[in-house]
């Protein structure tokens, strides 16, 4: 095994020592385990980064869908759509599809 020298701040040294004492392991093992764990997840996004990336992708997809809808041609006349919307609103005000209790 190679011996190396690093400069670390006092709080990091204290955390290494506390962890080593709690786990009853040599400090070098604690550092080795920490580096191994960090290297294993270094290429992955953390939870915050993942959620931000998903939010951006979802917004872009939604914008794409809205753009395609806006650009597409109507399949029915506007008057027919207006009548259907009025019918839906009236049904909602009346309680939707609920059947009266017997």
Protein backbone atom coordinates (compact mmCIF):
# COMPACT_ATOMS: atom_id res chain seq x y z
CA UNK A 1 0.00 0.00 0.00
CA UNK A 2 1.16 3.51 -0.78
CA UNK A 3 1.50 6.23 1.83
CA UNK A 4 0.19 9.63 0.83
CA UNK A 5 -0.09 13.02 2.46
CA UNK A 6 -3.16 15.24 2.20
CA UNK A 7 -4.01 18.59 3.73
CA UNK A 8 -7.46 18.59 5.29
CA UNK A 9 -9.30 21.17 7.35
CA UNK A 10 -9.73 20.58 11.09
CA UNK A 11 -13.45 19.75 10.92
CA UNK A 12 -12.84 17.02 8.31
CA UNK A 13 -10.04 15.53 10.43
CA UNK A 14 -12.33 15.60 13.47
CA UNK A 15 -15.10 13.81 11.54
CA UNK A 16 -12.66 11.15 10.31
CA UNK A 17 -11.41 10.59 13.87
CA UNK A 18 -14.93 10.48 15.35
CA UNK A 19 -16.11 8.05 12.68
CA UNK A 20 -13.07 5.83 13.13
CA UNK A 21 -13.58 5.75 16.90
CA UNK A 22 -17.31 5.01 16.58
CA UNK A 23 -16.72 2.21 14.05
CA UNK A 24 -13.57 0.99 15.81
CA UNK A 25 -11.68 1.10 12.53
CA UNK A 26 -8.38 2.71 11.60
CA UNK A 27 -8.71 6.21 10.14
CA UNK A 28 -7.21 4.99 6.87
CA UNK A 29 -10.06 2.47 6.50
CA UNK A 30 -12.63 5.20 7.09
CA UNK A 31 -11.03 7.38 4.39
CA UNK A 32 -10.74 4.41 1.99
CA UNK A 33 -14.42 3.50 2.50
CA UNK A 34 -15.48 7.13 2.04
CA UNK A 35 -13.53 7.49 -1.21
CA UNK A 36 -14.91 4.18 -2.51
CA UNK A 37 -18.51 5.26 -1.76
CA UNK A 38 -17.98 8.70 -3.26
CA UNK A 39 -16.44 7.24 -6.44
CA UNK A 40 -19.37 4.81 -6.81
CA UNK A 41 -21.92 7.62 -6.88
CA UNK A 42 -19.87 10.41 -8.44
CA UNK A 43 -21.42 9.90 -11.89
CA UNK A 44 -24.99 9.80 -10.59
CA UNK A 45 -27.19 12.80 -9.91
CA UNK A 46 -28.11 13.58 -6.35
CA UNK A 47 -31.80 13.80 -5.46
CA UNK A 48 -32.03 17.57 -5.97
CA UNK A 49 -30.30 17.44 -9.35
CA UNK A 50 -32.50 14.55 -10.43
CA UNK A 51 -35.71 16.36 -9.50
CA UNK A 52 -34.60 19.55 -11.23
CA UNK A 53 -33.73 17.60 -14.39
CA UNK A 54 -37.10 15.81 -14.34
CA UNK A 55 -38.94 19.09 -13.85
CA UNK A 56 -37.20 20.67 -16.82
CA UNK A 57 -37.89 17.64 -19.02
CA UNK A 58 -41.54 17.54 -18.01
CA UNK A 59 -41.98 21.25 -18.77
CA UNK A 60 -40.31 20.83 -22.16
CA UNK A 61 -42.52 17.86 -22.99
CA UNK A 62 -45.62 19.79 -21.91
CA UNK A 63 -44.60 22.74 -24.09
CA UNK A 64 -44.07 20.41 -27.03
CA UNK A 65 -47.50 18.86 -26.58
CA UNK A 66 -49.13 22.28 -26.29
CA UNK A 67 -47.30 23.50 -29.39
CA UNK A 68 -48.43 20.46 -31.40
CA UNK A 69 -52.01 20.94 -30.22
CA UNK A 70 -51.93 24.62 -31.10
CA UNK A 71 -50.58 23.85 -34.58
CA UNK A 72 -52.98 20.98 -35.32
CA UNK A 73 -56.17 21.49 -37.26
CA UNK A 74 -59.52 21.34 -35.51
CA UNK A 75 -61.40 18.07 -35.93
CA UNK A 76 -64.81 19.54 -35.03
CA UNK A 77 -66.52 22.88 -35.47
CA UNK A 78 -66.12 25.36 -32.60
CA UNK A 79 -69.88 25.51 -32.04
CA UNK A 80 -69.99 21.76 -31.41
CA UNK A 81 -67.12 22.01 -28.92
CA UNK A 82 -68.83 24.93 -27.14
CA UNK A 83 -72.06 22.91 -26.81
CA UNK A 84 -70.16 19.95 -25.34
CA UNK A 85 -68.36 22.19 -22.84
CA UNK A 86 -71.68 23.73 -21.75
CA UNK A 87 -73.07 20.23 -21.29
CA UNK A 88 -70.08 19.15 -19.19
CA UNK A 89 -70.32 22.29 -17.01
CA UNK A 90 -74.04 21.75 -16.46
CA UNK A 91 -73.43 18.11 -15.49
CA UNK A 92 -70.74 19.13 -13.00
CA UNK A 93 -73.00 21.73 -11.42
CA UNK A 94 -75.71 19.10 -11.10
CA UNK A 95 -73.37 16.63 -9.35
CA UNK A 96 -71.88 14.87 -12.34
CA UNK A 97 -72.87 11.26 -12.91
CA UNK A 98 -74.04 10.61 -9.37
CA UNK A 99 -77.30 8.83 -9.15
CA UNK A 100 -79.84 10.07 -6.65
CA UNK A 101 -79.94 7.93 -3.51
CA UNK A 102 -83.03 5.77 -3.15
